[in-house]
Amino acid sequence: MGVFDKILGHDDDKDKPKADFSDVRSTAPTATPNSTMGAGATPAAPRADFSDVQSASSSAPVEQQRTYTVVSGDSLSKIAKREYGDAAKWRGIWEANRDSIKNPDLIHPGQVLNLPADL
């Protein structure tokens, strides 16, 4: 029967018996905690074990901090060209080492610089 049949009063289903589901019981197992199970009770399905699952943030490998030891004749732009293929990235090296480099034009042999991974 459609909506228009109902509106127009065409009730062809009025003589058909209605289905009665009142005596139907669910056969799905119910979850029962193990501590409250009585004698003869069916154990609940085992719980999913997610102990070996890692979050998305920790599943990515952690990049190790790279360092570079300055040698005689080095400049930040030479190091950037050698390490990143672009001399213009010297500023990123300087920003990552501002605590030890006050003037980017003055670096010294033996000085250990942190090289950022994301330049």
PDB file of N, CA and C in Angstrom:
ATOM      1  N   MET A   1       0.847  -1.164   0.000  1.00  0.00           N
ATOM      2  CA  MET A   1       0.000   0.000   0.000  1.00  0.00           C
ATOM      3  C   MET A   1       0.894   1.228   0.000  1.00  0.00           C
ATOM      4  N   GLY A   2       0.537   2.211  -0.808  1.00  0.00           N
ATOM      5  CA  GLY A   2       1.313   3.424  -0.907  1.00  0.00           C
ATOM      6  C   GLY A   2       0.707   4.556  -0.095  1.00  0.00           C
ATOM      7  N   VAL A   3       1.367   5.662  -0.097  1.00  0.00           N
ATOM      8  CA  VAL A   3       0.918   6.840   0.640  1.00  0.00           C
ATOM      9  C   VAL A   3      -0.392   7.366   0.054  1.00  0.00           C
ATOM     10  N   PHE A   4      -0.493   7.394  -1.273  1.00  0.00           N
ATOM     11  CA  PHE A   4      -1.715   7.908  -1.898  1.00  0.00           C
ATOM     12  C   PHE A   4      -2.914   6.994  -1.638  1.00  0.00           C
ATOM     13  N   ASP A   5      -2.672   5.671  -1.581  1.00  0.00           N
ATOM     14  CA  ASP A   5      -3.766   4.755  -1.251  1.00  0.00           C
ATOM     15  C   ASP A   5      -4.292   5.047   0.137  1.00  0.00           C
ATOM     16  N   LYS A   6      -3.406   5.336   1.068  1.00  0.00           N
ATOM     17  CA  LYS A   6      -3.801   5.643   2.440  1.00  0.00           C
ATOM     18  C   LYS A   6      -4.605   6.941   2.476  1.00  0.00           C
ATOM     19  N   ILE A   7      -4.134   7.948   1.726  1.00  0.00           N
ATOM     20  CA  ILE A   7      -4.809   9.252   1.699  1.00  0.00           C
ATOM     21  C   ILE A   7      -6.193   9.132   1.059  1.00  0.00           C
ATOM     22  N   LEU A   8      -6.267   8.370  -0.039  1.00  0.00           N
ATOM     23  CA  LEU A   8      -7.519   8.248  -0.779  1.00  0.00           C
ATOM     24  C   LEU A   8      -8.452   7.202  -0.181  1.00  0.00           C
ATOM     25  N   GLY A   9      -8.020   6.500   0.846  1.00  0.00           N
ATOM     26  CA  GLY A   9      -8.888   5.546   1.517  1.00  0.00           C
ATOM     27  C   GLY A   9      -8.915   4.180   0.879  1.00  0.00           C
ATOM     28  N   HIS A  10      -7.986   3.899  -0.015  1.00  0.00           N
ATOM     29  CA  HIS A  10      -7.914   2.568  -0.621  1.00  0.00           C
ATOM     30  C   HIS A  10      -7.082   1.681   0.288  1.00  0.00           C
ATOM     31  N   ASP A  11      -7.716   0.996   1.187  1.00  0.00           N
ATOM     32  CA  ASP A  11      -7.011   0.176   2.170  1.00  0.00           C
ATOM     33  C   ASP A  11      -7.162  -1.286   1.799  1.00  0.00           C
ATOM     34  N   ASP A  12      -6.308  -1.733   0.828  1.00  0.00           N
ATOM     35  CA  ASP A  12      -6.385  -3.111   0.367  1.00  0.00           C
ATOM     36  C   ASP A  12      -5.823  -4.089   1.387  1.00  0.00           C
ATOM     37  N   ASP A  13      -5.004  -3.615   2.325  1.00  0.00           N
ATOM     38  CA  ASP A  13      -4.360  -4.496   3.289  1.00  0.00           C
ATOM     39  C   ASP A  13      -5.204  -4.728   4.542  1.00  0.00           C
ATOM     40  N   LYS A  14      -6.411  -4.138   4.620  1.00  0.00           N
ATOM     41  CA  LYS A  14      -7.177  -4.251   5.857  1.00  0.00           C
ATOM     42  C   LYS A  14      -7.664  -5.671   6.119  1.00  0.00           C
ATOM     43  N   ASP A  15      -7.763  -6.500   5.068  1.00  0.00           N
ATOM     44  CA  ASP A  15      -8.220  -7.877   5.259  1.00  0.00           C
ATOM     45  C   ASP A  15      -7.058  -8.837   5.532  1.00  0.00           C
ATOM     46  N   LYS A  16      -5.817  -8.395   5.331  1.00  0.00           N
ATOM     47  CA  LYS A  16      -4.660  -9.249   5.558  1.00  0.00           C
ATOM     48  C   LYS A  16      -4.325  -9.287   7.047  1.00  0.00           C
ATOM     49  N   PRO A  17      -3.937 -10.463   7.543  1.00  0.00           N
ATOM     50  CA  PRO A  17      -3.562 -10.532   8.964  1.00  0.00           C
ATOM     51  C   PRO A  17      -2.215  -9.829   9.197  1.00  0.00           C
ATOM     52  N   LYS A  18      -2.100  -9.187  10.316  1.00  0.00           N
ATOM     53  CA  LYS A  18      -0.863  -8.505  10.691  1.00  0.00           C
ATOM     54  C   LYS A  18       0.104  -9.515  11.303  1.00  0.00           C
ATOM     55  N   ALA A  19       1.402  -9.356  11.055  1.00  0.00           N
ATOM     56  CA  ALA A  19       2.409 -10.245  11.620  1.00  0.00           C
ATOM     57  C   ALA A  19       2.568  -9.950  13.100  1.00  0.00           C
ATOM     58  N   ASP A  20       2.706 -11.015  13.885  1.00  0.00           N
ATOM     59  CA  ASP A  20       2.864 -10.875  15.324  1.00  0.00           C
ATOM     60  C   ASP A  20       4.225 -11.441  15.717  1.00  0.00           C
ATOM     61  N   PHE A  21       5.114 -10.584  16.169  1.00  0.00           N
ATOM     62  CA  PHE A  21       6.461 -10.993  16.542  1.00  0.00           C
ATOM     63  C   PHE A  21       6.668 -10.956  18.051  1.00  0.00           C
ATOM     64  N   SER A  22       5.605 -10.949  18.803  1.00  0.00           N
ATOM     65  CA  SER A  22       5.733 -10.808  20.251  1.00  0.00           C
ATOM     66  C   SER A  22       6.370 -12.028  20.911  1.00  0.00           C
ATOM     67  N   ASP A  23       6.303 -13.208  20.285  1.00  0.00           N
ATOM     68  CA  ASP A  23       6.872 -14.390  20.901  1.00  0.00           C
ATOM     69  C   ASP A  23       8.282 -14.712  20.415  1.00  0.00           C
ATOM     70  N   VAL A  24       8.835 -13.853  19.592  1.00  0.00           N
ATOM     71  CA  VAL A  24      10.177 -14.084  19.065  1.00  0.00           C
ATOM     72  C   VAL A  24      11.206 -13.563  20.061  1.00  0.00           C
ATOM     73  N   ARG A  25      12.186 -14.435  20.391  1.00  0.00           N
ATOM     74  CA  ARG A  25      13.245 -14.028  21.300  1.00  0.00           C
ATOM     75  C   ARG A  25      14.553 -13.897  20.539  1.00  0.00           C
ATOM     76  N   SER A  26      15.397 -13.009  20.971  1.00  0.00           N
ATOM     77  CA  SER A  26      16.700 -12.811  20.352  1.00  0.00           C
ATOM     78  C   SER A  26      17.600 -13.992  20.677  1.00  0.00           C
ATOM     79  N   THR A  27      18.362 -14.440  19.668  1.00  0.00           N
ATOM     80  CA  THR A  27      19.319 -15.521  19.899  1.00  0.00           C
ATOM     81  C   THR A  27      20.740 -14.985  19.996  1.00  0.00           C
ATOM     82  N   ALA A  28      20.872 -13.672  19.967  1.00  0.00           N
ATOM     83  CA  ALA A  28      22.204 -13.074  20.059  1.00  0.00           C
ATOM     84  C   ALA A  28      22.734 -13.251  21.474  1.00  0.00           C
ATOM     85  N   PRO A  29      24.019 -13.628  21.614  1.00  0.00           N
ATOM     86  CA  PRO A  29      24.574 -13.792  22.962  1.00  0.00           C
ATOM     87  C   PRO A  29      24.671 -12.450  23.666  1.00  0.00           C
ATOM     88  N   THR A  30      24.449 -12.499  24.954  1.00  0.00           N
ATOM     89  CA  THR A  30      24.581 -11.268  25.733  1.00  0.00           C
ATOM     90  C   THR A  30      25.938 -11.266  26.395  1.00  0.00           C
ATOM     91  N   ALA A  31      26.537 -10.101  26.502  1.00  0.00           N
ATOM     92  CA  ALA A  31      27.851  -9.969  27.125  1.00  0.00           C
ATOM     93  C   ALA A  31      27.685 -10.016  28.628  1.00  0.00           C
ATOM     94  N   THR A  32      28.355 -10.961  29.252  1.00  0.00           N
ATOM     95  CA  THR A  32      28.306 -11.103  30.692  1.00  0.00           C
ATOM     96  C   THR A  32      29.720 -11.047  31.226  1.00  0.00           C
ATOM     97  N   PRO A  33      30.005 -10.144  32.158  1.00  0.00           N
ATOM     98  CA  PRO A  33      31.363 -10.105  32.715  1.00  0.00           C
ATOM     99  C   PRO A  33      31.699 -11.439  33.368  1.00  0.00           C
ATOM    100  N   ASN A  34      32.930 -11.894  33.233  1.00  0.00           N
ATOM    101  CA  ASN A  34      33.351 -13.188  33.756  1.00  0.00           C
ATOM    102  C   ASN A  34      33.173 -13.300  35.263  1.00  0.00           C
ATOM    103  N   SER A  35      33.307 -12.197  35.993  1.00  0.00           N
ATOM    104  CA  SER A  35      33.226 -12.254  37.435  1.00  0.00           C
ATOM    105  C   SER A  35      31.806 -12.515  37.925  1.00  0.00           C
ATOM    106  N   THR A  36      30.791 -12.270  37.103  1.00  0.00           N
ATOM    107  CA  THR A  36      29.412 -12.457  37.544  1.00  0.00           C
ATOM    108  C   THR A  36      28.757 -13.651  36.883  1.00  0.00           C
ATOM    109  N   MET A  37      29.531 -14.496  36.194  1.00  0.00           N
ATOM    110  CA  MET A  37      28.949 -15.651  35.516  1.00  0.00           C
ATOM    111  C   MET A  37      28.541 -16.695  36.550  1.00  0.00           C
ATOM    112  N   GLY A  38      27.349 -17.181  36.430  1.00  0.00           N
ATOM    113  CA  GLY A  38      26.873 -18.218  37.331  1.00  0.00           C
ATOM    114  C   GLY A  38      27.138 -19.588  36.738  1.00  0.00           C
ATOM    115  N   ALA A  39      26.740 -20.622  37.450  1.00  0.00           N
ATOM    116  CA  ALA A  39      26.941 -21.989  36.983  1.00  0.00           C
ATOM    117  C   ALA A  39      26.105 -22.214  35.728  1.00  0.00           C
ATOM    118  N   GLY A  40      26.713 -22.816  34.735  1.00  0.00           N
ATOM    119  CA  GLY A  40      26.003 -23.138  33.507  1.00  0.00           C
ATOM    120  C   GLY A  40      25.864 -21.968  32.549  1.00  0.00           C
ATOM    121  N   ALA A  41      26.422 -20.808  32.894  1.00  0.00           N
ATOM    122  CA  ALA A  41      26.324 -19.639  32.019  1.00  0.00           C
ATOM    123  C   ALA A  41      27.300 -19.778  30.865  1.00  0.00           C
ATOM    124  N   THR A  42      26.923 -19.249  29.735  1.00  0.00           N
ATOM    125  CA  THR A  42      27.788 -19.269  28.565  1.00  0.00           C
ATOM    126  C   THR A  42      28.755 -18.101  28.659  1.00  0.00           C
ATOM    127  N   PRO A  43      30.062 -18.335  28.507  1.00  0.00           N
ATOM    128  CA  PRO A  43      31.007 -17.222  28.606  1.00  0.00           C
ATOM    129  C   PRO A  43      30.810 -16.239  27.460  1.00  0.00           C
ATOM    130  N   ALA A  44      31.036 -14.985  27.749  1.00  0.00           N
ATOM    131  CA  ALA A  44      30.916 -13.936  26.739  1.00  0.00           C
ATOM    132  C   ALA A  44      32.061 -14.057  25.748  1.00  0.00           C
ATOM    133  N   ALA A  45      31.871 -13.507  24.582  1.00  0.00           N
ATOM    134  CA  ALA A  45      32.928 -13.522  23.568  1.00  0.00           C
ATOM    135  C   ALA A  45      34.143 -12.788  24.116  1.00  0.00           C
ATOM    136  N   PRO A  46      35.351 -13.235  23.778  1.00  0.00           N
ATOM    137  CA  PRO A  46      36.547 -12.557  24.297  1.00  0.00           C
ATOM    138  C   PRO A  46      36.606 -11.117  23.797  1.00  0.00           C
ATOM    139  N   ARG A  47      37.128 -10.273  24.648  1.00  0.00           N
ATOM    140  CA  ARG A  47      37.252  -8.858  24.284  1.00  0.00           C
ATOM    141  C   ARG A  47      38.404  -8.671  23.312  1.00  0.00           C
ATOM    142  N   ALA A  48      38.280  -7.707  22.448  1.00  0.00           N
ATOM    143  CA  ALA A  48      39.341  -7.403  21.490  1.00  0.00           C
ATOM    144  C   ALA A  48      40.575  -6.899  22.232  1.00  0.00           C
ATOM    145  N   ASP A  49      41.739  -7.335  21.793  1.00  0.00           N
ATOM    146  CA  ASP A  49      42.991  -6.933  22.421  1.00  0.00           C
ATOM    147  C   ASP A  49      43.689  -5.906  21.536  1.00  0.00           C
ATOM    148  N   PHE A  50      43.745  -4.672  21.996  1.00  0.00           N
ATOM    149  CA  PHE A  50      44.376  -3.601  21.248  1.00  0.00           C
ATOM    150  C   PHE A  50      45.697  -3.178  21.891  1.00  0.00           C
ATOM    151  N   SER A  51      46.309  -4.048  22.671  1.00  0.00           N
ATOM    152  CA  SER A  51      47.516  -3.677  23.396  1.00  0.00           C
ATOM    153  C   SER A  51      48.702  -3.409  22.478  1.00  0.00           C
ATOM    154  N   ASP A  52      48.682  -3.970  21.260  1.00  0.00           N
ATOM    155  CA  ASP A  52      49.813  -3.760  20.367  1.00  0.00           C
ATOM    156  C   ASP A  52      49.577  -2.645  19.352  1.00  0.00           C
ATOM    157  N   VAL A  53      48.482  -1.917  19.485  1.00  0.00           N
ATOM    158  CA  VAL A  53      48.161  -0.844  18.555  1.00  0.00           C
ATOM    159  C   VAL A  53      48.858   0.432  18.991  1.00  0.00           C
ATOM    160  N   GLN A  54      49.458   1.126  18.023  1.00  0.00           N
ATOM    161  CA  GLN A  54      50.130   2.386  18.311  1.00  0.00           C
ATOM    162  C   GLN A  54      49.322   3.529  17.732  1.00  0.00           C
ATOM    163  N   SER A  55      49.394   4.682  18.357  1.00  0.00           N
ATOM    164  CA  SER A  55      48.696   5.843  17.824  1.00  0.00           C
ATOM    165  C   SER A  55      49.403   6.332  16.565  1.00  0.00           C
ATOM    166  N   ALA A  56      48.687   7.110  15.772  1.00  0.00           N
ATOM    167  CA  ALA A  56      49.241   7.591  14.505  1.00  0.00           C
ATOM    168  C   ALA A  56      50.486   8.441  14.723  1.00  0.00           C
ATOM    169  N   SER A  57      50.507   9.197  15.788  1.00  0.00           N
ATOM    170  CA  SER A  57      51.652  10.064  15.998  1.00  0.00           C
ATOM    171  C   SER A  57      52.906   9.285  16.372  1.00  0.00           C
ATOM    172  N   SER A  58      52.737   8.128  17.016  1.00  0.00           N
ATOM    173  CA  SER A  58      53.922   7.381  17.410  1.00  0.00           C
ATOM    174  C   SER A  58      54.293   6.295  16.413  1.00  0.00           C
ATOM    175  N   SER A  59      53.456   6.053  15.406  1.00  0.00           N
ATOM    176  CA  SER A  59      53.779   5.006  14.450  1.00  0.00           C
ATOM    177  C   SER A  59      54.794   5.473  13.409  1.00  0.00           C
ATOM    178  N   ALA A  60      54.916   6.773  13.224  1.00  0.00           N
ATOM    179  CA  ALA A  60      55.905   7.297  12.281  1.00  0.00           C
ATOM    180  C   ALA A  60      57.282   7.219  12.922  1.00  0.00           C
ATOM    181  N   PRO A  61      58.294   6.847  12.145  1.00  0.00           N
ATOM    182  CA  PRO A  61      59.632   6.781  12.735  1.00  0.00           C
ATOM    183  C   PRO A  61      60.105   8.161  13.191  1.00  0.00           C
ATOM    184  N   VAL A  62      60.747   8.188  14.321  1.00  0.00           N
ATOM    185  CA  VAL A  62      61.254   9.443  14.866  1.00  0.00           C
ATOM    186  C   VAL A  62      62.588   9.751  14.197  1.00  0.00           C
ATOM    187  N   GLU A  63      62.677  10.926  13.625  1.00  0.00           N
ATOM    188  CA  GLU A  63      63.921  11.319  12.956  1.00  0.00           C
ATOM    189  C   GLU A  63      64.962  11.659  14.015  1.00  0.00           C
ATOM    190  N   GLN A  64      66.154  11.129  13.834  1.00  0.00           N
ATOM    191  CA  GLN A  64      67.241  11.442  14.737  1.00  0.00           C
ATOM    192  C   GLN A  64      67.778  12.819  14.376  1.00  0.00           C
ATOM    193  N   GLN A  65      68.194  13.558  15.383  1.00  0.00           N
ATOM    194  CA  GLN A  65      68.769  14.877  15.174  1.00  0.00           C
ATOM    195  C   GLN A  65      70.133  14.704  14.514  1.00  0.00           C
ATOM    196  N   ARG A  66      70.294  15.299  13.350  1.00  0.00           N
ATOM    197  CA  ARG A  66      71.591  15.259  12.676  1.00  0.00           C
ATOM    198  C   ARG A  66      72.428  16.434  13.151  1.00  0.00           C
ATOM    199  N   THR A  67      73.710  16.221  13.206  1.00  0.00           N
ATOM    200  CA  THR A  67      74.630  17.299  13.589  1.00  0.00           C
ATOM    201  C   THR A  67      75.728  17.400  12.538  1.00  0.00           C
ATOM    202  N   TYR A  68      76.374  18.544  12.549  1.00  0.00           N
ATOM    203  CA  TYR A  68      77.492  18.791  11.635  1.00  0.00           C
ATOM    204  C   TYR A  68      78.562  19.541  12.426  1.00  0.00           C
ATOM    205  N   THR A  69      79.795  19.095  12.319  1.00  0.00           N
ATOM    206  CA  THR A  69      80.915  19.775  12.973  1.00  0.00           C
ATOM    207  C   THR A  69      81.600  20.674  11.952  1.00  0.00           C
ATOM    208  N   VAL A  70      81.653  21.937  12.271  1.00  0.00           N
ATOM    209  CA  VAL A  70      82.223  22.948  11.376  1.00  0.00           C
ATOM    210  C   VAL A  70      83.723  22.707  11.197  1.00  0.00           C
ATOM    211  N   VAL A  71      84.165  22.819   9.935  1.00  0.00           N
ATOM    212  CA  VAL A  71      85.594  22.728   9.626  1.00  0.00           C
ATOM    213  C   VAL A  71      86.069  24.065   9.078  1.00  0.00           C
ATOM    214  N   SER A  72      87.371  24.257   9.033  1.00  0.00           N
ATOM    215  CA  SER A  72      87.951  25.502   8.540  1.00  0.00           C
ATOM    216  C   SER A  72      87.461  25.778   7.111  1.00  0.00           C
ATOM    217  N   GLY A  73      87.046  26.997   6.854  1.00  0.00           N
ATOM    218  CA  GLY A  73      86.566  27.405   5.538  1.00  0.00           C
ATOM    219  C   GLY A  73      85.061  27.264   5.361  1.00  0.00           C
ATOM    220  N   ASP A  74      84.373  26.690   6.331  1.00  0.00           N
ATOM    221  CA  ASP A  74      82.922  26.528   6.243  1.00  0.00           C
ATOM    222  C   ASP A  74      82.187  27.848   6.471  1.00  0.00           C
ATOM    223  N   SER A  75      81.031  27.963   5.883  1.00  0.00           N
ATOM    224  CA  SER A  75      80.064  29.026   6.163  1.00  0.00           C
ATOM    225  C   SER A  75      78.699  28.338   6.207  1.00  0.00           C
ATOM    226  N   LEU A  76      77.705  29.023   6.743  1.00  0.00           N
ATOM    227  CA  LEU A  76      76.382  28.416   6.810  1.00  0.00           C
ATOM    228  C   LEU A  76      75.839  28.104   5.421  1.00  0.00           C
ATOM    229  N   SER A  77      76.123  28.981   4.447  1.00  0.00           N
ATOM    230  CA  SER A  77      75.630  28.732   3.090  1.00  0.00           C
ATOM    231  C   SER A  77      76.350  27.534   2.444  1.00  0.00           C
ATOM    232  N   LYS A  78      77.649  27.347   2.720  1.00  0.00           N
ATOM    233  CA  LYS A  78      78.356  26.176   2.193  1.00  0.00           C
ATOM    234  C   LYS A  78      77.809  24.883   2.807  1.00  0.00           C
ATOM    235  N   ILE A  79      77.545  24.933   4.109  1.00  0.00           N
ATOM    236  CA  ILE A  79      76.977  23.758   4.788  1.00  0.00           C
ATOM    237  C   ILE A  79      75.588  23.452   4.229  1.00  0.00           C
ATOM    238  N   ALA A  80      74.779  24.494   4.030  1.00  0.00           N
ATOM    239  CA  ALA A  80      73.431  24.308   3.490  1.00  0.00           C
ATOM    240  C   ALA A  80      73.482  23.709   2.089  1.00  0.00           C
ATOM    241  N   LYS A  81      74.405  24.179   1.264  1.00  0.00           N
ATOM    242  CA  LYS A  81      74.555  23.660  -0.095  1.00  0.00           C
ATOM    243  C   LYS A  81      74.960  22.184  -0.050  1.00  0.00           C
ATOM    244  N   ARG A  82      75.900  21.841   0.819  1.00  0.00           N
ATOM    245  CA  ARG A  82      76.391  20.463   0.914  1.00  0.00           C
ATOM    246  C   ARG A  82      75.323  19.532   1.491  1.00  0.00           C
ATOM    247  N   GLU A  83      74.622  19.966   2.520  1.00  0.00           N
ATOM    248  CA  GLU A  83      73.681  19.089   3.226  1.00  0.00           C
ATOM    249  C   GLU A  83      72.275  19.068   2.621  1.00  0.00           C
ATOM    250  N   TYR A  84      71.828  20.207   2.060  1.00  0.00           N
ATOM    251  CA  TYR A  84      70.454  20.311   1.556  1.00  0.00           C
ATOM    252  C   TYR A  84      70.369  20.565   0.055  1.00  0.00           C
ATOM    253  N   GLY A  85      71.521  20.821  -0.582  1.00  0.00           N
ATOM    254  CA  GLY A  85      71.519  21.093  -2.011  1.00  0.00           C
ATOM    255  C   GLY A  85      71.074  22.493  -2.370  1.00  0.00           C
ATOM    256  N   ASP A  86      70.940  23.362  -1.379  1.00  0.00           N
ATOM    257  CA  ASP A  86      70.477  24.736  -1.617  1.00  0.00           C
ATOM    258  C   ASP A  86      71.146  25.657  -0.599  1.00  0.00           C
ATOM    259  N   ALA A  87      72.044  26.532  -1.091  1.00  0.00           N
ATOM    260  CA  ALA A  87      72.780  27.447  -0.202  1.00  0.00           C
ATOM    261  C   ALA A  87      71.845  28.416   0.509  1.00  0.00           C
ATOM    262  N   ALA A  88      70.681  28.690  -0.088  1.00  0.00           N
ATOM    263  CA  ALA A  88      69.737  29.644   0.512  1.00  0.00           C
ATOM    264  C   ALA A  88      69.110  29.107   1.799  1.00  0.00           C
ATOM    265  N   LYS A  89      69.286  27.847   2.104  1.00  0.00           N
ATOM    266  CA  LYS A  89      68.712  27.266   3.324  1.00  0.00           C
ATOM    267  C   LYS A  89      69.597  27.492   4.551  1.00  0.00           C
ATOM    268  N   TRP A  90      70.619  28.334   4.422  1.00  0.00           N
ATOM    269  CA  TRP A  90      71.506  28.627   5.541  1.00  0.00           C
ATOM    270  C   TRP A  90      70.731  29.209   6.717  1.00  0.00           C
ATOM    271  N   ARG A  91      69.693  29.978   6.401  1.00  0.00           N
ATOM    272  CA  ARG A  91      68.921  30.634   7.459  1.00  0.00           C
ATOM    273  C   ARG A  91      68.246  29.602   8.367  1.00  0.00           C
ATOM    274  N   GLY A  92      67.797  28.469   7.806  1.00  0.00           N
ATOM    275  CA  GLY A  92      67.194  27.410   8.614  1.00  0.00           C
ATOM    276  C   GLY A  92      68.190  26.808   9.588  1.00  0.00           C
ATOM    277  N   ILE A  93      69.433  26.655   9.127  1.00  0.00           N
ATOM    278  CA  ILE A  93      70.484  26.144  10.019  1.00  0.00           C
ATOM    279  C   ILE A  93      70.739  27.145  11.135  1.00  0.00           C
ATOM    280  N   TRP A  94      70.787  28.414  10.763  1.00  0.00           N
ATOM    281  CA  TRP A  94      71.021  29.464  11.763  1.00  0.00           C
ATOM    282  C   TRP A  94      69.884  29.489  12.792  1.00  0.00           C
ATOM    283  N   GLU A  95      68.623  29.405  12.325  1.00  0.00           N
ATOM    284  CA  GLU A  95      67.477  29.430  13.238  1.00  0.00           C
ATOM    285  C   GLU A  95      67.521  28.246  14.215  1.00  0.00           C
ATOM    286  N   ALA A  96      67.942  27.081  13.721  1.00  0.00           N
ATOM    287  CA  ALA A  96      68.012  25.896  14.569  1.00  0.00           C
ATOM    288  C   ALA A  96      69.149  25.972  15.586  1.00  0.00           C
ATOM    289  N   ASN A  97      70.105  26.903  15.388  1.00  0.00           N
ATOM    290  CA  ASN A  97      71.277  27.009  16.255  1.00  0.00           C
ATOM    291  C   ASN A  97      71.455  28.407  16.836  1.00  0.00           C
ATOM    292  N   ARG A  98      70.396  29.164  16.952  1.00  0.00           N
ATOM    293  CA  ARG A  98      70.506  30.551  17.445  1.00  0.00           C
ATOM    294  C   ARG A  98      71.087  30.640  18.843  1.00  0.00           C
ATOM    295  N   ASP A  99      70.942  29.585  19.620  1.00  0.00           N
ATOM    296  CA  ASP A  99      71.493  29.629  20.981  1.00  0.00           C
ATOM    297  C   ASP A  99      73.023  29.579  20.970  1.00  0.00           C
ATOM    298  N   SER A 100      73.616  29.004  19.912  1.00  0.00           N
ATOM    299  CA  SER A 100      75.078  28.917  19.846  1.00  0.00           C
ATOM    300  C   SER A 100      75.680  29.804  18.757  1.00  0.00           C
ATOM    301  N   ILE A 101      74.866  30.344  17.852  1.00  0.00           N
ATOM    302  CA  ILE A 101      75.364  31.232  16.790  1.00  0.00           C
ATOM    303  C   ILE A 101      74.692  32.600  16.960  1.00  0.00           C
ATOM    304  N   LYS A 102      75.452  33.557  17.450  1.00  0.00           N
ATOM    305  CA  LYS A 102      74.900  34.908  17.608  1.00  0.00           C
ATOM    306  C   LYS A 102      74.953  35.672  16.294  1.00  0.00           C
ATOM    307  N   ASN A 103      76.040  35.496  15.538  1.00  0.00           N
ATOM    308  CA  ASN A 103      76.225  36.168  14.252  1.00  0.00           C
ATOM    309  C   ASN A 103      76.392  35.079  13.190  1.00  0.00           C
ATOM    310  N   PRO A 104      75.473  34.986  12.209  1.00  0.00           N
ATOM    311  CA  PRO A 104      75.558  33.904  11.218  1.00  0.00           C
ATOM    312  C   PRO A 104      76.803  33.962  10.338  1.00  0.00           C
ATOM    313  N   ASP A 105      77.509  35.099  10.331  1.00  0.00           N
ATOM    314  CA  ASP A 105      78.743  35.202   9.557  1.00  0.00           C
ATOM    315  C   ASP A 105      79.956  34.687  10.332  1.00  0.00           C
ATOM    316  N   LEU A 106      79.781  34.372  11.616  1.00  0.00           N
ATOM    317  CA  LEU A 106      80.895  33.932  12.453  1.00  0.00           C
ATOM    318  C   LEU A 106      80.615  32.559  13.049  1.00  0.00           C
ATOM    319  N   ILE A 107      81.075  31.537  12.347  1.00  0.00           N
ATOM    320  CA  ILE A 107      81.049  30.194  12.911  1.00  0.00           C
ATOM    321  C   ILE A 107      82.498  29.730  13.000  1.00  0.00           C
ATOM    322  N   HIS A 108      82.778  28.806  13.900  1.00  0.00           N
ATOM    323  CA  HIS A 108      84.155  28.438  14.198  1.00  0.00           C
ATOM    324  C   HIS A 108      84.386  26.944  14.001  1.00  0.00           C
ATOM    325  N   PRO A 109      85.587  26.562  13.517  1.00  0.00           N
ATOM    326  CA  PRO A 109      85.914  25.141  13.385  1.00  0.00           C
ATOM    327  C   PRO A 109      85.747  24.426  14.724  1.00  0.00           C
ATOM    328  N   GLY A 110      85.164  23.234  14.659  1.00  0.00           N
ATOM    329  CA  GLY A 110      84.922  22.460  15.874  1.00  0.00           C
ATOM    330  C   GLY A 110      83.531  22.687  16.452  1.00  0.00           C
ATOM    331  N   GLN A 111      82.866  23.741  16.007  1.00  0.00           N
ATOM    332  CA  GLN A 111      81.525  24.035  16.497  1.00  0.00           C
ATOM    333  C   GLN A 111      80.558  22.971  15.948  1.00  0.00           C
ATOM    334  N   VAL A 112      79.711  22.425  16.811  1.00  0.00           N
ATOM    335  CA  VAL A 112      78.750  21.392  16.394  1.00  0.00           C
ATOM    336  C   VAL A 112      77.384  22.050  16.192  1.00  0.00           C
ATOM    337  N   LEU A 113      76.867  21.892  14.975  1.00  0.00           N
ATOM    338  CA  LEU A 113      75.582  22.505  14.614  1.00  0.00           C
ATOM    339  C   LEU A 113      74.507  21.429  14.460  1.00  0.00           C
ATOM    340  N   ASN A 114      73.302  21.754  14.896  1.00  0.00           N
ATOM    341  CA  ASN A 114      72.148  20.890  14.675  1.00  0.00           C
ATOM    342  C   ASN A 114      71.612  21.164  13.275  1.00  0.00           C
ATOM    343  N   LEU A 115      71.362  20.111  12.505  1.00  0.00           N
ATOM    344  CA  LEU A 115      70.816  20.260  11.155  1.00  0.00           C
ATOM    345  C   LEU A 115      69.348  19.816  11.168  1.00  0.00           C
ATOM    346  N   PRO A 116      68.426  20.759  10.981  1.00  0.00           N
ATOM    347  CA  PRO A 116      67.005  20.402  10.995  1.00  0.00           C
ATOM    348  C   PRO A 116      66.656  19.476   9.825  1.00  0.00           C
ATOM    349  N   ALA A 117      65.738  18.556  10.067  1.00  0.00           N
ATOM    350  CA  ALA A 117      65.336  17.584   9.049  1.00  0.00           C
ATOM    351  C   ALA A 117      64.348  18.182   8.046  1.00  0.00           C
ATOM    352  N   ASP A 118      63.636  19.199   8.435  1.00  0.00           N
ATOM    353  CA  ASP A 118      62.534  19.707   7.607  1.00  0.00           C
ATOM    354  C   ASP A 118      62.839  21.004   6.873  1.00  0.00           C
ATOM    355  N   LEU A 119      63.997  21.101   6.264  1.00  0.00           N
ATOM    356  CA  LEU A 119      64.303  22.309   5.487  1.00  0.00           C
ATOM    357  C   LEU A 119      64.056  22.080   4.023  1.00  0.00           C
TER     358      LEU A 119
END
